[in-house]
Amino acid sequence: YHVKKCDVVLPLVAIATPIEYTRNPLRVFELDFEENLRIIRYCVKYRKRIIFPSTSEVYGMCSDKYFDEDHSNLIVGPVNKPRWIYSVSKQLLDRVIWAYGEKEGLQFTLFRPFNWMGPR
């Protein structure tokens, strides 16, 4: 309902605290992936542009000397390490948004605000 009334949607639902990735990985998944997916689907349904805050965490542990977002592999750690649930949730959402853009005409902007605000 709220998405229907918007011109543009900027979802800020996320647990972006690294200690929480290991303490509460399922809660991170529920909020960071499931709730954002719900919002994305409403944007598709109501034909609303989404400006989605992703993260540098989606880049993972790429070993390329020079990282190229369009060509470098996005490599994350082992499945049994809950620390990666945040990055893979965000990366999957990036991919879902791209797919909805291709298949359903979803208008979107992805951006990765990292290391630019807050306490050190």
PDB file of N, CA and C in Angstrom:
ATOM      1  N   TYR A   1       0.824  -1.198   0.000  1.00  0.00           N
ATOM      2  CA  TYR A   1       0.000   0.000   0.000  1.00  0.00           C
ATOM      3  C   TYR A   1       0.864   1.256   0.000  1.00  0.00           C
ATOM      4  N   HIS A   2       1.866   1.299   0.862  1.00  0.00           N
ATOM      5  CA  HIS A   2       2.711   2.492   0.947  1.00  0.00           C
ATOM      6  C   HIS A   2       3.541   2.680  -0.314  1.00  0.00           C
ATOM      7  N   VAL A   3       4.012   1.588  -0.883  1.00  0.00           N
ATOM      8  CA  VAL A   3       4.802   1.671  -2.117  1.00  0.00           C
ATOM      9  C   VAL A   3       3.957   2.257  -3.239  1.00  0.00           C
ATOM     10  N   LYS A   4       2.713   1.886  -3.288  1.00  0.00           N
ATOM     11  CA  LYS A   4       1.812   2.365  -4.339  1.00  0.00           C
ATOM     12  C   LYS A   4       1.732   3.893  -4.356  1.00  0.00           C
ATOM     13  N   LYS A   5       1.862   4.523  -3.206  1.00  0.00           N
ATOM     14  CA  LYS A   5       1.732   5.976  -3.097  1.00  0.00           C
ATOM     15  C   LYS A   5       3.039   6.725  -3.363  1.00  0.00           C
ATOM     16  N   CYS A   6       4.131   6.008  -3.549  1.00  0.00           N
ATOM     17  CA  CYS A   6       5.448   6.642  -3.711  1.00  0.00           C
ATOM     18  C   CYS A   6       5.771   6.952  -5.168  1.00  0.00           C
ATOM     19  N   ASP A   7       6.630   7.927  -5.362  1.00  0.00           N
ATOM     20  CA  ASP A   7       7.198   8.186  -6.684  1.00  0.00           C
ATOM     21  C   ASP A   7       8.432   7.314  -6.885  1.00  0.00           C
ATOM     22  N   VAL A   8       9.255   7.242  -5.857  1.00  0.00           N
ATOM     23  CA  VAL A   8      10.496   6.468  -5.861  1.00  0.00           C
ATOM     24  C   VAL A   8      10.612   5.797  -4.502  1.00  0.00           C
ATOM     25  N   VAL A   9      11.194   4.602  -4.478  1.00  0.00           N
ATOM     26  CA  VAL A   9      11.344   3.873  -3.222  1.00  0.00           C
ATOM     27  C   VAL A   9      12.831   3.713  -2.904  1.00  0.00           C
ATOM     28  N   LEU A  10      13.198   4.054  -1.675  1.00  0.00           N
ATOM     29  CA  LEU A  10      14.562   3.892  -1.179  1.00  0.00           C
ATOM     30  C   LEU A  10      14.484   3.041   0.089  1.00  0.00           C
ATOM     31  N   PRO A  11      14.538   1.713  -0.049  1.00  0.00           N
ATOM     32  CA  PRO A  11      14.405   0.856   1.132  1.00  0.00           C
ATOM     33  C   PRO A  11      15.688   0.848   1.959  1.00  0.00           C
ATOM     34  N   LEU A  12      15.555   1.119   3.230  1.00  0.00           N
ATOM     35  CA  LEU A  12      16.712   1.160   4.119  1.00  0.00           C
ATOM     36  C   LEU A  12      16.650   0.057   5.170  1.00  0.00           C
ATOM     37  N   VAL A  13      15.954  -1.012   4.841  1.00  0.00           N
ATOM     38  CA  VAL A  13      15.828  -2.148   5.745  1.00  0.00           C
ATOM     39  C   VAL A  13      17.120  -2.959   5.688  1.00  0.00           C
ATOM     40  N   ALA A  14      17.846  -3.017   6.793  1.00  0.00           N
ATOM     41  CA  ALA A  14      19.061  -3.835   6.825  1.00  0.00           C
ATOM     42  C   ALA A  14      19.663  -3.858   8.217  1.00  0.00           C
ATOM     43  N   ILE A  15      20.256  -4.977   8.521  1.00  0.00           N
ATOM     44  CA  ILE A  15      21.143  -5.072   9.667  1.00  0.00           C
ATOM     45  C   ILE A  15      22.534  -5.038   9.059  1.00  0.00           C
ATOM     46  N   ALA A  16      23.241  -3.968   9.285  1.00  0.00           N
ATOM     47  CA  ALA A  16      24.558  -3.793   8.669  1.00  0.00           C
ATOM     48  C   ALA A  16      25.643  -3.694   9.735  1.00  0.00           C
ATOM     49  N   THR A  17      25.533  -4.542  10.722  1.00  0.00           N
ATOM     50  CA  THR A  17      26.493  -4.575  11.813  1.00  0.00           C
ATOM     51  C   THR A  17      27.187  -5.930  11.786  1.00  0.00           C
ATOM     52  N   PRO A  18      28.447  -5.992  11.419  1.00  0.00           N
ATOM     53  CA  PRO A  18      29.126  -7.282  11.227  1.00  0.00           C
ATOM     54  C   PRO A  18      28.981  -8.283  12.367  1.00  0.00           C
ATOM     55  N   ILE A  19      28.995  -7.841  13.610  1.00  0.00           N
ATOM     56  CA  ILE A  19      28.860  -8.796  14.709  1.00  0.00           C
ATOM     57  C   ILE A  19      27.508  -9.506  14.653  1.00  0.00           C
ATOM     58  N   GLU A  20      26.490  -8.817  14.147  1.00  0.00           N
ATOM     59  CA  GLU A  20      25.159  -9.422  14.046  1.00  0.00           C
ATOM     60  C   GLU A  20      25.095 -10.499  12.964  1.00  0.00           C
ATOM     61  N   TYR A  21      25.961 -10.429  11.975  1.00  0.00           N
ATOM     62  CA  TYR A  21      25.975 -11.460  10.928  1.00  0.00           C
ATOM     63  C   TYR A  21      26.258 -12.829  11.542  1.00  0.00           C
ATOM     64  N   THR A  22      27.102 -12.860  12.556  1.00  0.00           N
ATOM     65  CA  THR A  22      27.427 -14.134  13.196  1.00  0.00           C
ATOM     66  C   THR A  22      26.510 -14.441  14.377  1.00  0.00           C
ATOM     67  N   ARG A  23      26.047 -13.422  15.067  1.00  0.00           N
ATOM     68  CA  ARG A  23      25.147 -13.644  16.207  1.00  0.00           C
ATOM     69  C   ARG A  23      23.743 -14.044  15.769  1.00  0.00           C
ATOM     70  N   ASN A  24      23.228 -13.372  14.749  1.00  0.00           N
ATOM     71  CA  ASN A  24      21.836 -13.562  14.324  1.00  0.00           C
ATOM     72  C   ASN A  24      21.718 -13.683  12.806  1.00  0.00           C
ATOM     73  N   PRO A  25      22.349 -14.692  12.206  1.00  0.00           N
ATOM     74  CA  PRO A  25      22.346 -14.780  10.743  1.00  0.00           C
ATOM     75  C   PRO A  25      20.947 -14.916  10.139  1.00  0.00           C
ATOM     76  N   LEU A  26      20.060 -15.620  10.807  1.00  0.00           N
ATOM     77  CA  LEU A  26      18.709 -15.777  10.249  1.00  0.00           C
ATOM     78  C   LEU A  26      17.933 -14.470  10.305  1.00  0.00           C
ATOM     79  N   ARG A  27      18.122 -13.707  11.354  1.00  0.00           N
ATOM     80  CA  ARG A  27      17.467 -12.391  11.441  1.00  0.00           C
ATOM     81  C   ARG A  27      18.016 -11.456  10.369  1.00  0.00           C
ATOM     82  N   VAL A  28      19.310 -11.524  10.130  1.00  0.00           N
ATOM     83  CA  VAL A  28      19.917 -10.738   9.052  1.00  0.00           C
ATOM     84  C   VAL A  28      19.276 -11.117   7.723  1.00  0.00           C
ATOM     85  N   PHE A  29      19.119 -12.414   7.473  1.00  0.00           N
ATOM     86  CA  PHE A  29      18.497 -12.865   6.228  1.00  0.00           C
ATOM     87  C   PHE A  29      17.046 -12.393   6.132  1.00  0.00           C
ATOM     88  N   GLU A  30      16.298 -12.534   7.221  1.00  0.00           N
ATOM     89  CA  GLU A  30      14.887 -12.133   7.209  1.00  0.00           C
ATOM     90  C   GLU A  30      14.729 -10.657   6.868  1.00  0.00           C
ATOM     91  N   LEU A  31      15.506  -9.819   7.502  1.00  0.00           N
ATOM     92  CA  LEU A  31      15.385  -8.380   7.242  1.00  0.00           C
ATOM     93  C   LEU A  31      16.063  -7.979   5.942  1.00  0.00           C
ATOM     94  N   ASP A  32      17.320  -8.354   5.808  1.00  0.00           N
ATOM     95  CA  ASP A  32      18.106  -7.868   4.671  1.00  0.00           C
ATOM     96  C   ASP A  32      17.651  -8.453   3.340  1.00  0.00           C
ATOM     97  N   PHE A  33      17.208  -9.692   3.336  1.00  0.00           N
ATOM     98  CA  PHE A  33      16.758 -10.286   2.076  1.00  0.00           C
ATOM     99  C   PHE A  33      15.237 -10.308   1.957  1.00  0.00           C
ATOM    100  N   GLU A  34      14.576 -11.013   2.855  1.00  0.00           N
ATOM    101  CA  GLU A  34      13.134 -11.229   2.694  1.00  0.00           C
ATOM    102  C   GLU A  34      12.324  -9.935   2.693  1.00  0.00           C
ATOM    103  N   GLU A  35      12.598  -9.042   3.620  1.00  0.00           N
ATOM    104  CA  GLU A  35      11.827  -7.791   3.662  1.00  0.00           C
ATOM    105  C   GLU A  35      12.116  -6.908   2.454  1.00  0.00           C
ATOM    106  N   ASN A  36      13.359  -6.860   2.036  1.00  0.00           N
ATOM    107  CA  ASN A  36      13.681  -6.075   0.843  1.00  0.00           C
ATOM    108  C   ASN A  36      13.087  -6.695  -0.415  1.00  0.00           C
ATOM    109  N   LEU A  37      13.062  -8.023  -0.490  1.00  0.00           N
ATOM    110  CA  LEU A  37      12.450  -8.687  -1.642  1.00  0.00           C
ATOM    111  C   LEU A  37      10.967  -8.324  -1.742  1.00  0.00           C
ATOM    112  N   ARG A  38      10.307  -8.279  -0.605  1.00  0.00           N
ATOM    113  CA  ARG A  38       8.891  -7.886  -0.581  1.00  0.00           C
ATOM    114  C   ARG A  38       8.721  -6.470  -1.144  1.00  0.00           C
ATOM    115  N   ILE A  39       9.571  -5.567  -0.735  1.00  0.00           N
ATOM    116  CA  ILE A  39       9.514  -4.186  -1.229  1.00  0.00           C
ATOM    117  C   ILE A  39       9.800  -4.136  -2.726  1.00  0.00           C
ATOM    118  N   ILE A  40      10.797  -4.875  -3.171  1.00  0.00           N
ATOM    119  CA  ILE A  40      11.139  -4.922  -4.600  1.00  0.00           C
ATOM    120  C   ILE A  40       9.951  -5.417  -5.413  1.00  0.00           C
ATOM    121  N   ARG A  41       9.301  -6.452  -4.942  1.00  0.00           N
ATOM    122  CA  ARG A  41       8.141  -6.995  -5.671  1.00  0.00           C
ATOM    123  C   ARG A  41       6.997  -5.982  -5.736  1.00  0.00           C
ATOM    124  N   TYR A  42       6.814  -5.206  -4.675  1.00  0.00           N
ATOM    125  CA  TYR A  42       5.813  -4.136  -4.732  1.00  0.00           C
ATOM    126  C   TYR A  42       6.207  -3.077  -5.751  1.00  0.00           C
ATOM    127  N   CYS A  43       7.475  -2.777  -5.844  1.00  0.00           N
ATOM    128  CA  CYS A  43       7.935  -1.811  -6.851  1.00  0.00           C
ATOM    129  C   CYS A  43       7.639  -2.318  -8.258  1.00  0.00           C
ATOM    130  N   VAL A  44       7.830  -3.603  -8.473  1.00  0.00           N
ATOM    131  CA  VAL A  44       7.499  -4.196  -9.776  1.00  0.00           C
ATOM    132  C   VAL A  44       5.992  -4.105 -10.008  1.00  0.00           C
ATOM    133  N   LYS A  45       5.219  -4.514  -9.021  1.00  0.00           N
ATOM    134  CA  LYS A  45       3.762  -4.525  -9.143  1.00  0.00           C
ATOM    135  C   LYS A  45       3.195  -3.141  -9.448  1.00  0.00           C
ATOM    136  N   TYR A  46       3.698  -2.127  -8.743  1.00  0.00           N
ATOM    137  CA  TYR A  46       3.161  -0.775  -8.897  1.00  0.00           C
ATOM    138  C   TYR A  46       3.981   0.106  -9.837  1.00  0.00           C
ATOM    139  N   ARG A  47       4.968  -0.510 -10.504  1.00  0.00           N
ATOM    140  CA  ARG A  47       5.797   0.187 -11.502  1.00  0.00           C
ATOM    141  C   ARG A  47       6.489   1.410 -10.899  1.00  0.00           C
ATOM    142  N   LYS A  48       7.123   1.205  -9.763  1.00  0.00           N
ATOM    143  CA  LYS A  48       7.829   2.278  -9.064  1.00  0.00           C
ATOM    144  C   LYS A  48       9.335   2.085  -9.190  1.00  0.00           C
ATOM    145  N   ARG A  49      10.032   3.161  -9.392  1.00  0.00           N
ATOM    146  CA  ARG A  49      11.499   3.123  -9.427  1.00  0.00           C
ATOM    147  C   ARG A  49      12.024   2.822  -8.028  1.00  0.00           C
ATOM    148  N   ILE A  50      13.073   2.012  -7.972  1.00  0.00           N
ATOM    149  CA  ILE A  50      13.711   1.705  -6.697  1.00  0.00           C
ATOM    150  C   ILE A  50      15.166   2.164  -6.749  1.00  0.00           C
ATOM    151  N   ILE A  51      15.582   2.821  -5.697  1.00  0.00           N
ATOM    152  CA  ILE A  51      16.983   3.190  -5.517  1.00  0.00           C
ATOM    153  C   ILE A  51      17.462   2.324  -4.361  1.00  0.00           C
ATOM    154  N   PHE A  52      18.263   1.326  -4.693  1.00  0.00           N
ATOM    155  CA  PHE A  52      18.592   0.294  -3.713  1.00  0.00           C
ATOM    156  C   PHE A  52      20.012   0.423  -3.182  1.00  0.00           C
ATOM    157  N   PRO A  53      20.137   0.591  -1.855  1.00  0.00           N
ATOM    158  CA  PRO A  53      21.469   0.649  -1.258  1.00  0.00           C
ATOM    159  C   PRO A  53      22.040  -0.756  -1.081  1.00  0.00           C
ATOM    160  N   SER A  54      23.007  -1.082  -1.884  1.00  0.00           N
ATOM    161  CA  SER A  54      23.698  -2.357  -1.780  1.00  0.00           C
ATOM    162  C   SER A  54      24.887  -2.167  -0.838  1.00  0.00           C
ATOM    163  N   THR A  55      25.968  -2.868  -1.069  1.00  0.00           N
ATOM    164  CA  THR A  55      27.119  -2.781  -0.174  1.00  0.00           C
ATOM    165  C   THR A  55      28.380  -3.243  -0.882  1.00  0.00           C
ATOM    166  N   SER A  56      29.512  -2.757  -0.437  1.00  0.00           N
ATOM    167  CA  SER A  56      30.783  -3.248  -0.977  1.00  0.00           C
ATOM    168  C   SER A  56      31.000  -4.706  -0.593  1.00  0.00           C
ATOM    169  N   GLU A  57      30.274  -5.178   0.407  1.00  0.00           N
ATOM    170  CA  GLU A  57      30.372  -6.578   0.821  1.00  0.00           C
ATOM    171  C   GLU A  57      30.040  -7.543  -0.317  1.00  0.00           C
ATOM    172  N   VAL A  58      29.252  -7.109  -1.299  1.00  0.00           N
ATOM    173  CA  VAL A  58      28.910  -8.012  -2.409  1.00  0.00           C
ATOM    174  C   VAL A  58      30.142  -8.381  -3.223  1.00  0.00           C
ATOM    175  N   TYR A  59      31.196  -7.581  -3.146  1.00  0.00           N
ATOM    176  CA  TYR A  59      32.418  -7.870  -3.896  1.00  0.00           C
ATOM    177  C   TYR A  59      33.167  -9.065  -3.324  1.00  0.00           C
ATOM    178  N   GLY A  60      32.936  -9.363  -2.060  1.00  0.00           N
ATOM    179  CA  GLY A  60      33.562 -10.531  -1.451  1.00  0.00           C
ATOM    180  C   GLY A  60      35.072 -10.441  -1.400  1.00  0.00           C
ATOM    181  N   MET A  61      35.723 -11.556  -1.748  1.00  0.00           N
ATOM    182  CA  MET A  61      37.175 -11.671  -1.633  1.00  0.00           C
ATOM    183  C   MET A  61      37.833 -11.814  -3.000  1.00  0.00           C
ATOM    184  N   CYS A  62      37.442 -11.030  -3.934  1.00  0.00           N
ATOM    185  CA  CYS A  62      38.000 -11.101  -5.283  1.00  0.00           C
ATOM    186  C   CYS A  62      39.510 -10.860  -5.228  1.00  0.00           C
ATOM    187  N   SER A  63      40.249 -11.690  -5.939  1.00  0.00           N
ATOM    188  CA  SER A  63      41.712 -11.564  -5.911  1.00  0.00           C
ATOM    189  C   SER A  63      42.272 -10.785  -7.100  1.00  0.00           C
ATOM    190  N   ASP A  64      41.401 -10.233  -7.931  1.00  0.00           N
ATOM    191  CA  ASP A  64      41.881  -9.455  -9.079  1.00  0.00           C
ATOM    192  C   ASP A  64      42.720  -8.271  -8.604  1.00  0.00           C
ATOM    193  N   LYS A  65      43.788  -8.000  -9.322  1.00  0.00           N
ATOM    194  CA  LYS A  65      44.633  -6.854  -8.977  1.00  0.00           C
ATOM    195  C   LYS A  65      43.832  -5.561  -9.082  1.00  0.00           C
ATOM    196  N   TYR A  66      43.038  -5.455 -10.141  1.00  0.00           N
ATOM    197  CA  TYR A  66      42.163  -4.302 -10.353  1.00  0.00           C
ATOM    198  C   TYR A  66      40.737  -4.819 -10.472  1.00  0.00           C
ATOM    199  N   PHE A  67      39.924  -4.451  -9.524  1.00  0.00           N
ATOM    200  CA  PHE A  67      38.541  -4.921  -9.520  1.00  0.00           C
ATOM    201  C   PHE A  67      37.730  -4.189 -10.575  1.00  0.00           C
ATOM    202  N   ASP A  68      36.956  -4.948 -11.339  1.00  0.00           N
ATOM    203  CA  ASP A  68      36.056  -4.397 -12.349  1.00  0.00           C
ATOM    204  C   ASP A  68      34.665  -4.945 -12.056  1.00  0.00           C
ATOM    205  N   GLU A  69      33.777  -4.087 -11.623  1.00  0.00           N
ATOM    206  CA  GLU A  69      32.442  -4.509 -11.205  1.00  0.00           C
ATOM    207  C   GLU A  69      31.702  -5.326 -12.262  1.00  0.00           C
ATOM    208  N   ASP A  70      31.958  -5.046 -13.534  1.00  0.00           N
ATOM    209  CA  ASP A  70      31.254  -5.750 -14.607  1.00  0.00           C
ATOM    210  C   ASP A  70      31.926  -7.050 -15.039  1.00  0.00           C
ATOM    211  N   HIS A  71      33.149  -7.318 -14.578  1.00  0.00           N
ATOM    212  CA  HIS A  71      33.855  -8.501 -15.056  1.00  0.00           C
ATOM    213  C   HIS A  71      34.496  -9.360 -13.965  1.00  0.00           C
ATOM    214  N   SER A  72      34.815  -8.799 -12.838  1.00  0.00           N
ATOM    215  CA  SER A  72      35.474  -9.564 -11.773  1.00  0.00           C
ATOM    216  C   SER A  72      34.491 -10.521 -11.107  1.00  0.00           C
ATOM    217  N   ASN A  73      35.014 -11.655 -10.661  1.00  0.00           N
ATOM    218  CA  ASN A  73      34.187 -12.619  -9.942  1.00  0.00           C
ATOM    219  C   ASN A  73      33.918 -12.123  -8.530  1.00  0.00           C
ATOM    220  N   LEU A  74      32.727 -12.390  -8.057  1.00  0.00           N
ATOM    221  CA  LEU A  74      32.332 -12.020  -6.702  1.00  0.00           C
ATOM    222  C   LEU A  74      32.409 -13.288  -5.854  1.00  0.00           C
ATOM    223  N   ILE A  75      33.444 -13.402  -5.058  1.00  0.00           N
ATOM    224  CA  ILE A  75      33.745 -14.631  -4.326  1.00  0.00           C
ATOM    225  C   ILE A  75      33.522 -14.396  -2.838  1.00  0.00           C
ATOM    226  N   VAL A  76      32.742 -15.278  -2.215  1.00  0.00           N
ATOM    227  CA  VAL A  76      32.503 -15.167  -0.775  1.00  0.00           C
ATOM    228  C   VAL A  76      33.048 -16.405  -0.070  1.00  0.00           C
ATOM    229  N   GLY A  77      32.999 -16.376   1.239  1.00  0.00           N
ATOM    230  CA  GLY A  77      33.555 -17.460   2.039  1.00  0.00           C
ATOM    231  C   GLY A  77      32.657 -18.681   2.118  1.00  0.00           C
ATOM    232  N   PRO A  78      33.063 -19.652   2.936  1.00  0.00           N
ATOM    233  CA  PRO A  78      32.359 -20.925   3.047  1.00  0.00           C
ATOM    234  C   PRO A  78      30.929 -20.772   3.582  1.00  0.00           C
ATOM    235  N   VAL A  79      30.090 -21.704   3.194  1.00  0.00           N
ATOM    236  CA  VAL A  79      28.685 -21.708   3.609  1.00  0.00           C
ATOM    237  C   VAL A  79      28.558 -21.804   5.130  1.00  0.00           C
ATOM    238  N   ASN A  80      29.464 -22.498   5.778  1.00  0.00           N
ATOM    239  CA  ASN A  80      29.351 -22.679   7.230  1.00  0.00           C
ATOM    240  C   ASN A  80      29.852 -21.481   8.034  1.00  0.00           C
ATOM    241  N   LYS A  81      30.166 -20.386   7.371  1.00  0.00           N
ATOM    242  CA  LYS A  81      30.582 -19.158   8.052  1.00  0.00           C
ATOM    243  C   LYS A  81      29.454 -18.128   7.943  1.00  0.00           C
ATOM    244  N   PRO A  82      28.647 -17.954   8.994  1.00  0.00           N
ATOM    245  CA  PRO A  82      27.484 -17.072   8.925  1.00  0.00           C
ATOM    246  C   PRO A  82      27.827 -15.616   8.629  1.00  0.00           C
ATOM    247  N   ARG A  83      29.074 -15.243   8.777  1.00  0.00           N
ATOM    248  CA  ARG A  83      29.512 -13.879   8.505  1.00  0.00           C
ATOM    249  C   ARG A  83      29.142 -13.431   7.094  1.00  0.00           C
ATOM    250  N   TRP A  84      29.024 -14.379   6.155  1.00  0.00           N
ATOM    251  CA  TRP A  84      28.770 -14.039   4.749  1.00  0.00           C
ATOM    252  C   TRP A  84      27.292 -13.870   4.413  1.00  0.00           C
ATOM    253  N   ILE A  85      26.404 -14.110   5.361  1.00  0.00           N
ATOM    254  CA  ILE A  85      24.976 -14.052   5.038  1.00  0.00           C
ATOM    255  C   ILE A  85      24.536 -12.652   4.604  1.00  0.00           C
ATOM    256  N   TYR A  86      25.136 -11.634   5.176  1.00  0.00           N
ATOM    257  CA  TYR A  86      24.800 -10.261   4.788  1.00  0.00           C
ATOM    258  C   TYR A  86      25.190 -10.004   3.338  1.00  0.00           C
ATOM    259  N   SER A  87      26.417 -10.325   2.982  1.00  0.00           N
ATOM    260  CA  SER A  87      26.887 -10.030   1.624  1.00  0.00           C
ATOM    261  C   SER A  87      26.139 -10.838   0.572  1.00  0.00           C
ATOM    262  N   VAL A  88      25.864 -12.114   0.851  1.00  0.00           N
ATOM    263  CA  VAL A  88      25.155 -12.899  -0.165  1.00  0.00           C
ATOM    264  C   VAL A  88      23.690 -12.487  -0.263  1.00  0.00           C
ATOM    265  N   SER A  89      23.099 -12.051   0.843  1.00  0.00           N
ATOM    266  CA  SER A  89      21.726 -11.535   0.782  1.00  0.00           C
ATOM    267  C   SER A  89      21.668 -10.295  -0.098  1.00  0.00           C
ATOM    268  N   LYS A  90      22.595  -9.382   0.125  1.00  0.00           N
ATOM    269  CA  LYS A  90      22.641  -8.155  -0.683  1.00  0.00           C
ATOM    270  C   LYS A  90      22.972  -8.457  -2.142  1.00  0.00           C
ATOM    271  N   GLN A  91      23.913  -9.373  -2.366  1.00  0.00           N
ATOM    272  CA  GLN A  91      24.274  -9.707  -3.743  1.00  0.00           C
ATOM    273  C   GLN A  91      23.094 -10.342  -4.483  1.00  0.00           C
ATOM    274  N   LEU A  92      22.381 -11.230  -3.801  1.00  0.00           N
ATOM    275  CA  LEU A  92      21.221 -11.851  -4.436  1.00  0.00           C
ATOM    276  C   LEU A  92      20.151 -10.805  -4.747  1.00  0.00           C
ATOM    277  N   LEU A  93      19.956  -9.847  -3.863  1.00  0.00           N
ATOM    278  CA  LEU A  93      19.001  -8.775  -4.144  1.00  0.00           C
ATOM    279  C   LEU A  93      19.441  -7.946  -5.345  1.00  0.00           C
ATOM    280  N   ASP A  94      20.730  -7.665  -5.453  1.00  0.00           N
ATOM    281  CA  ASP A  94      21.231  -6.957  -6.642  1.00  0.00           C
ATOM    282  C   ASP A  94      20.856  -7.730  -7.902  1.00  0.00           C
ATOM    283  N   ARG A  95      21.053  -9.035  -7.870  1.00  0.00           N
ATOM    284  CA  ARG A  95      20.762  -9.885  -9.031  1.00  0.00           C
ATOM    285  C   ARG A  95      19.259  -9.947  -9.326  1.00  0.00           C
ATOM    286  N   VAL A  96      18.456 -10.015  -8.269  1.00  0.00           N
ATOM    287  CA  VAL A  96      16.998 -10.029  -8.433  1.00  0.00           C
ATOM    288  C   VAL A  96      16.531  -8.713  -9.054  1.00  0.00           C
ATOM    289  N   ILE A  97      17.064  -7.613  -8.582  1.00  0.00           N
ATOM    290  CA  ILE A  97      16.690  -6.306  -9.132  1.00  0.00           C
ATOM    291  C   ILE A  97      17.065  -6.224 -10.603  1.00  0.00           C
ATOM    292  N   TRP A  98      18.270  -6.658 -10.956  1.00  0.00           N
ATOM    293  CA  TRP A  98      18.677  -6.668 -12.374  1.00  0.00           C
ATOM    294  C   TRP A  98      17.723  -7.526 -13.203  1.00  0.00           C
ATOM    295  N   ALA A  99      17.358  -8.702 -12.677  1.00  0.00           N
ATOM    296  CA  ALA A  99      16.455  -9.595 -13.409  1.00  0.00           C
ATOM    297  C   ALA A  99      15.080  -8.958 -13.594  1.00  0.00           C
ATOM    298  N   TYR A 100      14.549  -8.335 -12.550  1.00  0.00           N
ATOM    299  CA  TYR A 100      13.269  -7.640 -12.690  1.00  0.00           C
ATOM    300  C   TYR A 100      13.383  -6.476 -13.666  1.00  0.00           C
ATOM    301  N   GLY A 101      14.515  -5.833 -13.695  1.00  0.00           N
ATOM    302  CA  GLY A 101      14.726  -4.768 -14.674  1.00  0.00           C
ATOM    303  C   GLY A 101      14.674  -5.303 -16.092  1.00  0.00           C
ATOM    304  N   GLU A 102      15.334  -6.436 -16.316  1.00  0.00           N
ATOM    305  CA  GLU A 102      15.366  -7.052 -17.648  1.00  0.00           C
ATOM    306  C   GLU A 102      14.011  -7.625 -18.053  1.00  0.00           C
ATOM    307  N   LYS A 103      13.379  -8.343 -17.148  1.00  0.00           N
ATOM    308  CA  LYS A 103      12.163  -9.098 -17.485  1.00  0.00           C
ATOM    309  C   LYS A 103      10.863  -8.322 -17.301  1.00  0.00           C
ATOM    310  N   GLU A 104      10.846  -7.402 -16.338  1.00  0.00           N
ATOM    311  CA  GLU A 104       9.600  -6.708 -15.999  1.00  0.00           C
ATOM    312  C   GLU A 104       9.671  -5.199 -16.200  1.00  0.00           C
ATOM    313  N   GLY A 105      10.826  -4.700 -16.613  1.00  0.00           N
ATOM    314  CA  GLY A 105      10.961  -3.265 -16.834  1.00  0.00           C
ATOM    315  C   GLY A 105      11.128  -2.441 -15.568  1.00  0.00           C
ATOM    316  N   LEU A 106      11.521  -3.081 -14.467  1.00  0.00           N
ATOM    317  CA  LEU A 106      11.741  -2.341 -13.223  1.00  0.00           C
ATOM    318  C   LEU A 106      12.817  -1.286 -13.436  1.00  0.00           C
ATOM    319  N   GLN A 107      12.497  -0.065 -13.098  1.00  0.00           N
ATOM    320  CA  GLN A 107      13.472   1.023 -13.152  1.00  0.00           C
ATOM    321  C   GLN A 107      14.218   1.044 -11.821  1.00  0.00           C
ATOM    322  N   PHE A 108      15.547   1.068 -11.879  1.00  0.00           N
ATOM    323  CA  PHE A 108      16.299   0.975 -10.636  1.00  0.00           C
ATOM    324  C   PHE A 108      17.652   1.664 -10.723  1.00  0.00           C
ATOM    325  N   THR A 109      18.161   1.961  -9.553  1.00  0.00           N
ATOM    326  CA  THR A 109      19.535   2.409  -9.368  1.00  0.00           C
ATOM    327  C   THR A 109      20.088   1.623  -8.192  1.00  0.00           C
ATOM    328  N   LEU A 110      21.242   1.005  -8.378  1.00  0.00           N
ATOM    329  CA  LEU A 110      21.949   0.344  -7.285  1.00  0.00           C
ATOM    330  C   LEU A 110      23.110   1.241  -6.883  1.00  0.00           C
ATOM    331  N   PHE A 111      23.309   1.422  -5.600  1.00  0.00           N
ATOM    332  CA  PHE A 111      24.492   2.151  -5.148  1.00  0.00           C
ATOM    333  C   PHE A 111      25.033   1.483  -3.896  1.00  0.00           C
ATOM    334  N   ARG A 112      26.298   1.706  -3.633  1.00  0.00           N
ATOM    335  CA  ARG A 112      26.967   1.047  -2.521  1.00  0.00           C
ATOM    336  C   ARG A 112      27.596   2.083  -1.588  1.00  0.00           C
ATOM    337  N   PRO A 113      26.821   2.557  -0.617  1.00  0.00           N
ATOM    338  CA  PRO A 113      27.353   3.566   0.313  1.00  0.00           C
ATOM    339  C   PRO A 113      28.189   2.904   1.410  1.00  0.00           C
ATOM    340  N   PHE A 114      29.491   2.953   1.260  1.00  0.00           N
ATOM    341  CA  PHE A 114      30.317   2.333   2.292  1.00  0.00           C
ATOM    342  C   PHE A 114      31.472   3.246   2.669  1.00  0.00           C
ATOM    343  N   ASN A 115      31.812   3.193   3.952  1.00  0.00           N
ATOM    344  CA  ASN A 115      32.941   3.952   4.496  1.00  0.00           C
ATOM    345  C   ASN A 115      32.841   5.448   4.235  1.00  0.00           C
ATOM    346  N   TRP A 116      31.660   6.006   4.322  1.00  0.00           N
ATOM    347  CA  TRP A 116      31.533   7.441   4.079  1.00  0.00           C
ATOM    348  C   TRP A 116      30.713   8.176   5.121  1.00  0.00           C
ATOM    349  N   MET A 117      30.208   7.479   6.143  1.00  0.00           N
ATOM    350  CA  MET A 117      29.508   8.198   7.196  1.00  0.00           C
ATOM    351  C   MET A 117      29.530   7.385   8.481  1.00  0.00           C
ATOM    352  N   GLY A 118      29.298   8.067   9.568  1.00  0.00           N
ATOM    353  CA  GLY A 118      29.231   7.406  10.854  1.00  0.00           C
ATOM    354  C   GLY A 118      30.542   7.470  11.613  1.00  0.00           C
ATOM    355  N   PRO A 119      30.515   6.986  12.842  1.00  0.00           N
ATOM    356  CA  PRO A 119      31.727   7.026  13.665  1.00  0.00           C
ATOM    357  C   PRO A 119      32.796   6.081  13.127  1.00  0.00           C
ATOM    358  N   ARG A 120      34.028   6.397  13.400  1.00  0.00           N
ATOM    359  CA  ARG A 120      35.145   5.545  12.957  1.00  0.00           C
ATOM    360  C   ARG A 120      35.342   4.410  13.922  1.00  0.00           C
TER     361      ARG A 120
END
